[in-house]
Amino acid sequence: MPLFAVIREEGPAWDRAKSRRKQAAWDAHAAYMDRGEADGFFRLAGPLDDGPQVLLIIDGPDAATIRARLEEDPWTPLGLLRTVSITPWTVLVGARRLGARPPPAPA
């Protein structure tokens, strides 16, 4: 399946006075992420610096399927995270390390 670079960010319910692991429903969100990693949906994931955004590298068939699956994250309906963008990602360097197929060489 193709890879996608996904940006999510803190939503309106995010409590800036609390750390990431102290947000509401942390355990449920962490379990959701662990399941997604185990089944190969999440290839890489983590916050960008100390800011409000998170980068996810996702293995999925299309943006609609990815968006639907992100709706299953317990933090989404709670307003703790929202999806900013879902962009197809062509990996030119390191594709094999990610288990992705590199694009064909130009003719």
N, C-alpha and C. Protein backbone atom coordinates (compact mmCIF):
# COMPACT_ATOMS: atom_id res chain seq x y z
N MET A 1 0.84 -1.19 0.00
CA MET A 1 0.00 0.00 0.00
C MET A 1 0.88 1.24 0.00
N PRO A 2 0.34 2.33 -0.46
CA PRO A 2 1.11 3.58 -0.45
C PRO A 2 1.27 4.13 0.96
N LEU A 3 2.28 4.97 1.11
CA LEU A 3 2.50 5.66 2.37
C LEU A 3 1.95 7.08 2.29
N PHE A 4 1.50 7.57 3.44
CA PHE A 4 0.96 8.92 3.55
C PHE A 4 1.61 9.62 4.73
N ALA A 5 1.92 10.89 4.56
CA ALA A 5 2.36 11.74 5.66
C ALA A 5 1.13 12.46 6.18
N VAL A 6 0.86 12.28 7.44
CA VAL A 6 -0.34 12.85 8.06
C VAL A 6 0.08 13.78 9.18
N ILE A 7 -0.51 14.96 9.18
CA ILE A 7 -0.30 15.91 10.26
C ILE A 7 -1.59 15.99 11.07
N ARG A 8 -1.44 15.77 12.35
CA ARG A 8 -2.56 15.98 13.29
C ARG A 8 -2.09 17.03 14.29
N GLU A 9 -3.04 17.71 14.91
CA GLU A 9 -2.65 18.71 15.90
C GLU A 9 -3.64 18.72 17.05
N GLU A 10 -3.17 19.34 18.12
CA GLU A 10 -4.01 19.45 19.31
C GLU A 10 -5.33 20.12 18.95
N GLY A 11 -6.42 19.56 19.46
CA GLY A 11 -7.74 20.10 19.21
C GLY A 11 -8.18 21.06 20.30
N PRO A 12 -9.42 21.54 20.22
CA PRO A 12 -9.89 22.55 21.16
C PRO A 12 -10.00 22.06 22.61
N ALA A 13 -10.09 20.75 22.82
CA ALA A 13 -10.19 20.23 24.19
C ALA A 13 -8.84 19.94 24.83
N TRP A 14 -7.76 20.14 24.07
CA TRP A 14 -6.42 19.87 24.60
C TRP A 14 -6.15 20.78 25.80
N ASP A 15 -5.72 20.19 26.90
CA ASP A 15 -5.42 20.95 28.11
C ASP A 15 -3.93 21.29 28.11
N ARG A 16 -3.61 22.52 27.77
CA ARG A 16 -2.22 22.94 27.66
C ARG A 16 -1.49 22.94 29.00
N ALA A 17 -2.23 22.84 30.08
CA ALA A 17 -1.60 22.78 31.41
C ALA A 17 -1.11 21.37 31.73
N LYS A 18 -1.48 20.40 30.88
CA LYS A 18 -1.11 19.01 31.13
C LYS A 18 -0.19 18.49 30.03
N SER A 19 0.67 17.57 30.39
CA SER A 19 1.53 16.92 29.40
C SER A 19 0.69 15.98 28.53
N ARG A 20 1.27 15.52 27.45
CA ARG A 20 0.60 14.61 26.52
C ARG A 20 0.04 13.39 27.25
N ARG A 21 0.85 12.78 28.10
CA ARG A 21 0.44 11.55 28.79
C ARG A 21 -0.56 11.79 29.92
N LYS A 22 -0.81 13.05 30.25
CA LYS A 22 -1.78 13.38 31.29
C LYS A 22 -3.12 13.85 30.72
N GLN A 23 -3.24 13.87 29.38
CA GLN A 23 -4.50 14.27 28.75
C GLN A 23 -5.57 13.21 29.04
N ALA A 24 -6.82 13.60 28.93
CA ALA A 24 -7.93 12.67 29.13
C ALA A 24 -7.80 11.48 28.18
N ALA A 25 -8.15 10.32 28.65
CA ALA A 25 -8.20 9.09 27.84
C ALA A 25 -6.84 8.71 27.24
N TRP A 26 -5.75 9.08 27.94
CA TRP A 26 -4.42 8.72 27.43
C TRP A 26 -4.30 7.22 27.20
N ASP A 27 -4.73 6.40 28.15
CA ASP A 27 -4.56 4.95 28.03
C ASP A 27 -5.29 4.41 26.81
N ALA A 28 -6.50 4.90 26.55
CA ALA A 28 -7.27 4.45 25.39
C ALA A 28 -6.59 4.89 24.09
N HIS A 29 -6.08 6.12 24.06
CA HIS A 29 -5.37 6.62 22.87
C HIS A 29 -4.10 5.80 22.64
N ALA A 30 -3.34 5.54 23.70
CA ALA A 30 -2.10 4.76 23.57
C ALA A 30 -2.41 3.35 23.07
N ALA A 31 -3.47 2.73 23.56
CA ALA A 31 -3.86 1.39 23.10
C ALA A 31 -4.23 1.41 21.63
N TYR A 32 -4.96 2.44 21.20
CA TYR A 32 -5.32 2.61 19.78
C TYR A 32 -4.06 2.71 18.92
N MET A 33 -3.10 3.52 19.36
CA MET A 33 -1.85 3.68 18.61
C MET A 33 -1.07 2.37 18.57
N ASP A 34 -1.01 1.65 19.68
CA ASP A 34 -0.31 0.37 19.73
C ASP A 34 -0.93 -0.64 18.76
N ARG A 35 -2.27 -0.69 18.71
CA ARG A 35 -2.95 -1.60 17.77
C ARG A 35 -2.63 -1.22 16.33
N GLY A 36 -2.62 0.08 16.05
CA GLY A 36 -2.30 0.54 14.70
C GLY A 36 -0.88 0.24 14.29
N GLU A 37 0.04 0.30 15.24
CA GLU A 37 1.42 -0.06 14.93
C GLU A 37 1.52 -1.57 14.70
N ALA A 38 0.86 -2.35 15.53
CA ALA A 38 0.93 -3.80 15.43
C ALA A 38 0.39 -4.32 14.10
N ASP A 39 -0.66 -3.66 13.57
CA ASP A 39 -1.22 -4.14 12.30
C ASP A 39 -0.61 -3.45 11.08
N GLY A 40 0.41 -2.60 11.30
CA GLY A 40 1.12 -1.99 10.18
C GLY A 40 0.52 -0.70 9.65
N PHE A 41 -0.55 -0.21 10.26
CA PHE A 41 -1.16 1.03 9.80
C PHE A 41 -0.25 2.22 10.10
N PHE A 42 0.21 2.33 11.35
CA PHE A 42 1.16 3.38 11.72
C PHE A 42 2.57 2.85 11.51
N ARG A 43 3.31 3.49 10.62
CA ARG A 43 4.70 3.10 10.39
C ARG A 43 5.64 3.88 11.30
N LEU A 44 5.38 5.17 11.44
CA LEU A 44 6.12 6.06 12.33
C LEU A 44 5.12 7.08 12.89
N ALA A 45 5.36 7.53 14.11
CA ALA A 45 4.45 8.53 14.68
C ALA A 45 5.15 9.24 15.83
N GLY A 46 4.89 10.54 15.95
CA GLY A 46 5.42 11.27 17.08
C GLY A 46 5.23 12.76 16.93
N PRO A 47 5.29 13.47 18.06
CA PRO A 47 5.12 14.92 18.03
C PRO A 47 6.28 15.61 17.33
N LEU A 48 5.99 16.72 16.69
CA LEU A 48 7.00 17.55 16.05
C LEU A 48 7.49 18.57 17.08
N ASP A 49 8.74 18.42 17.48
CA ASP A 49 9.35 19.29 18.49
C ASP A 49 8.45 19.27 19.73
N ASP A 50 8.29 20.39 20.37
CA ASP A 50 7.42 20.48 21.54
C ASP A 50 6.10 21.18 21.19
N GLY A 51 5.83 21.28 19.90
CA GLY A 51 4.66 22.01 19.45
C GLY A 51 3.39 21.19 19.45
N PRO A 52 2.33 21.75 18.89
CA PRO A 52 1.02 21.12 18.92
C PRO A 52 0.79 20.07 17.83
N GLN A 53 1.75 19.90 16.92
CA GLN A 53 1.52 18.99 15.80
C GLN A 53 2.23 17.65 15.98
N VAL A 54 1.64 16.63 15.35
CA VAL A 54 2.16 15.28 15.35
C VAL A 54 2.29 14.84 13.89
N LEU A 55 3.38 14.16 13.57
CA LEU A 55 3.57 13.59 12.24
C LEU A 55 3.35 12.09 12.32
N LEU A 56 2.52 11.58 11.43
CA LEU A 56 2.27 10.15 11.32
C LEU A 56 2.64 9.72 9.91
N ILE A 57 3.36 8.63 9.79
CA ILE A 57 3.56 7.99 8.49
C ILE A 57 2.67 6.77 8.50
N ILE A 58 1.72 6.76 7.60
CA ILE A 58 0.66 5.75 7.60
C ILE A 58 0.68 4.96 6.31
N ASP A 59 0.46 3.67 6.44
CA ASP A 59 0.37 2.75 5.32
C ASP A 59 -1.12 2.47 5.09
N GLY A 60 -1.67 3.04 4.05
CA GLY A 60 -3.10 2.87 3.80
C GLY A 60 -3.42 3.00 2.33
N PRO A 61 -4.60 2.55 1.93
CA PRO A 61 -4.95 2.55 0.51
C PRO A 61 -5.27 3.93 -0.06
N ASP A 62 -5.86 4.81 0.77
CA ASP A 62 -6.26 6.12 0.28
C ASP A 62 -6.58 7.03 1.46
N ALA A 63 -6.69 8.31 1.17
CA ALA A 63 -6.91 9.31 2.23
C ALA A 63 -8.24 9.10 2.95
N ALA A 64 -9.28 8.71 2.23
CA ALA A 64 -10.59 8.52 2.86
C ALA A 64 -10.54 7.40 3.89
N THR A 65 -9.88 6.31 3.56
CA THR A 65 -9.76 5.19 4.49
C THR A 65 -8.95 5.60 5.72
N ILE A 66 -7.88 6.34 5.48
CA ILE A 66 -7.05 6.81 6.60
C ILE A 66 -7.84 7.74 7.50
N ARG A 67 -8.56 8.69 6.90
CA ARG A 67 -9.36 9.63 7.70
C ARG A 67 -10.37 8.87 8.56
N ALA A 68 -11.03 7.88 7.97
CA ALA A 68 -12.02 7.09 8.72
C ALA A 68 -11.36 6.36 9.89
N ARG A 69 -10.20 5.81 9.64
CA ARG A 69 -9.52 5.07 10.71
C ARG A 69 -9.06 6.01 11.82
N LEU A 70 -8.62 7.22 11.48
CA LEU A 70 -8.22 8.18 12.49
C LEU A 70 -9.41 8.63 13.35
N GLU A 71 -10.60 8.55 12.79
CA GLU A 71 -11.80 8.88 13.56
C GLU A 71 -12.01 7.90 14.71
N GLU A 72 -11.41 6.70 14.61
CA GLU A 72 -11.52 5.69 15.65
C GLU A 72 -10.62 5.97 16.85
N ASP A 73 -9.68 6.90 16.70
CA ASP A 73 -8.80 7.27 17.81
C ASP A 73 -9.68 7.90 18.90
N PRO A 74 -9.63 7.40 20.13
CA PRO A 74 -10.47 7.98 21.19
C PRO A 74 -10.26 9.48 21.38
N TRP A 75 -9.10 9.98 21.02
CA TRP A 75 -8.86 11.42 21.18
C TRP A 75 -9.58 12.26 20.13
N THR A 76 -10.00 11.67 19.02
CA THR A 76 -10.66 12.45 17.97
C THR A 76 -12.04 12.95 18.43
N PRO A 77 -12.96 12.06 18.84
CA PRO A 77 -14.27 12.58 19.24
C PRO A 77 -14.23 13.42 20.52
N LEU A 78 -13.17 13.26 21.31
CA LEU A 78 -13.03 14.08 22.52
C LEU A 78 -12.51 15.48 22.20
N GLY A 79 -12.11 15.72 20.95
CA GLY A 79 -11.61 17.03 20.56
C GLY A 79 -10.18 17.28 20.99
N LEU A 80 -9.44 16.20 21.30
CA LEU A 80 -8.04 16.35 21.70
C LEU A 80 -7.11 16.39 20.50
N LEU A 81 -7.46 15.72 19.42
CA LEU A 81 -6.67 15.75 18.19
C LEU A 81 -7.59 15.96 17.01
N ARG A 82 -7.06 16.66 16.01
CA ARG A 82 -7.77 16.82 14.74
C ARG A 82 -6.78 16.61 13.61
N THR A 83 -7.27 16.13 12.49
CA THR A 83 -6.41 15.89 11.34
C THR A 83 -6.30 17.17 10.52
N VAL A 84 -5.07 17.57 10.25
CA VAL A 84 -4.80 18.78 9.47
C VAL A 84 -4.63 18.42 8.00
N SER A 85 -3.83 17.38 7.71
CA SER A 85 -3.58 17.02 6.32
C SER A 85 -3.24 15.54 6.20
N ILE A 86 -3.59 14.99 5.05
CA ILE A 86 -3.24 13.62 4.67
C ILE A 86 -2.68 13.72 3.26
N THR A 87 -1.37 13.47 3.12
CA THR A 87 -0.69 13.69 1.86
C THR A 87 0.04 12.43 1.41
N PRO A 88 -0.18 11.97 0.17
CA PRO A 88 0.61 10.83 -0.32
C PRO A 88 2.09 11.18 -0.26
N TRP A 89 2.90 10.18 0.11
CA TRP A 89 4.33 10.40 0.31
C TRP A 89 5.12 9.43 -0.55
N THR A 90 5.90 9.96 -1.47
CA THR A 90 6.79 9.15 -2.29
C THR A 90 8.15 9.14 -1.62
N VAL A 91 8.55 8.00 -1.12
CA VAL A 91 9.82 7.87 -0.42
C VAL A 91 10.91 7.57 -1.45
N LEU A 92 11.88 8.47 -1.56
CA LEU A 92 12.97 8.28 -2.50
C LEU A 92 14.20 7.68 -1.84
N VAL A 93 14.41 7.99 -0.58
CA VAL A 93 15.56 7.47 0.16
C VAL A 93 15.04 6.76 1.40
N GLY A 94 15.46 5.53 1.59
CA GLY A 94 15.06 4.78 2.78
C GLY A 94 13.78 3.98 2.63
N ALA A 95 13.25 3.87 1.42
CA ALA A 95 11.98 3.17 1.22
C ALA A 95 12.05 1.73 1.72
N ARG A 96 13.13 1.05 1.43
CA ARG A 96 13.23 -0.35 1.85
C ARG A 96 13.23 -0.48 3.37
N ARG A 97 13.84 0.47 4.06
CA ARG A 97 13.83 0.43 5.54
C ARG A 97 12.42 0.55 6.08
N LEU A 98 11.57 1.27 5.36
CA LEU A 98 10.18 1.43 5.78
C LEU A 98 9.29 0.31 5.24
N GLY A 99 9.87 -0.59 4.47
CA GLY A 99 9.07 -1.66 3.89
C GLY A 99 8.25 -1.18 2.73
N ALA A 100 8.61 -0.04 2.15
CA ALA A 100 7.87 0.52 1.02
C ALA A 100 8.61 0.18 -0.28
N ARG A 101 7.89 0.18 -1.34
CA ARG A 101 8.48 -0.05 -2.65
C ARG A 101 8.96 1.29 -3.20
N PRO A 102 10.25 1.41 -3.55
CA PRO A 102 10.72 2.67 -4.13
C PRO A 102 10.07 2.92 -5.49
N PRO A 103 9.92 4.17 -5.86
CA PRO A 103 9.32 4.46 -7.17
C PRO A 103 10.24 3.95 -8.28
N PRO A 104 9.65 3.63 -9.44
CA PRO A 104 10.49 3.17 -10.54
C PRO A 104 11.44 4.29 -11.00
N ALA A 105 12.60 3.89 -11.49
CA ALA A 105 13.57 4.86 -12.02
C ALA A 105 13.01 5.45 -13.29
N PRO A 106 13.29 6.75 -13.54
CA PRO A 106 12.80 7.37 -14.78
C PRO A 106 13.41 6.67 -16.00
N ALA A 107 12.63 6.63 -17.05
CA ALA A 107 13.07 5.98 -18.29
C ALA A 107 14.06 6.83 -19.05
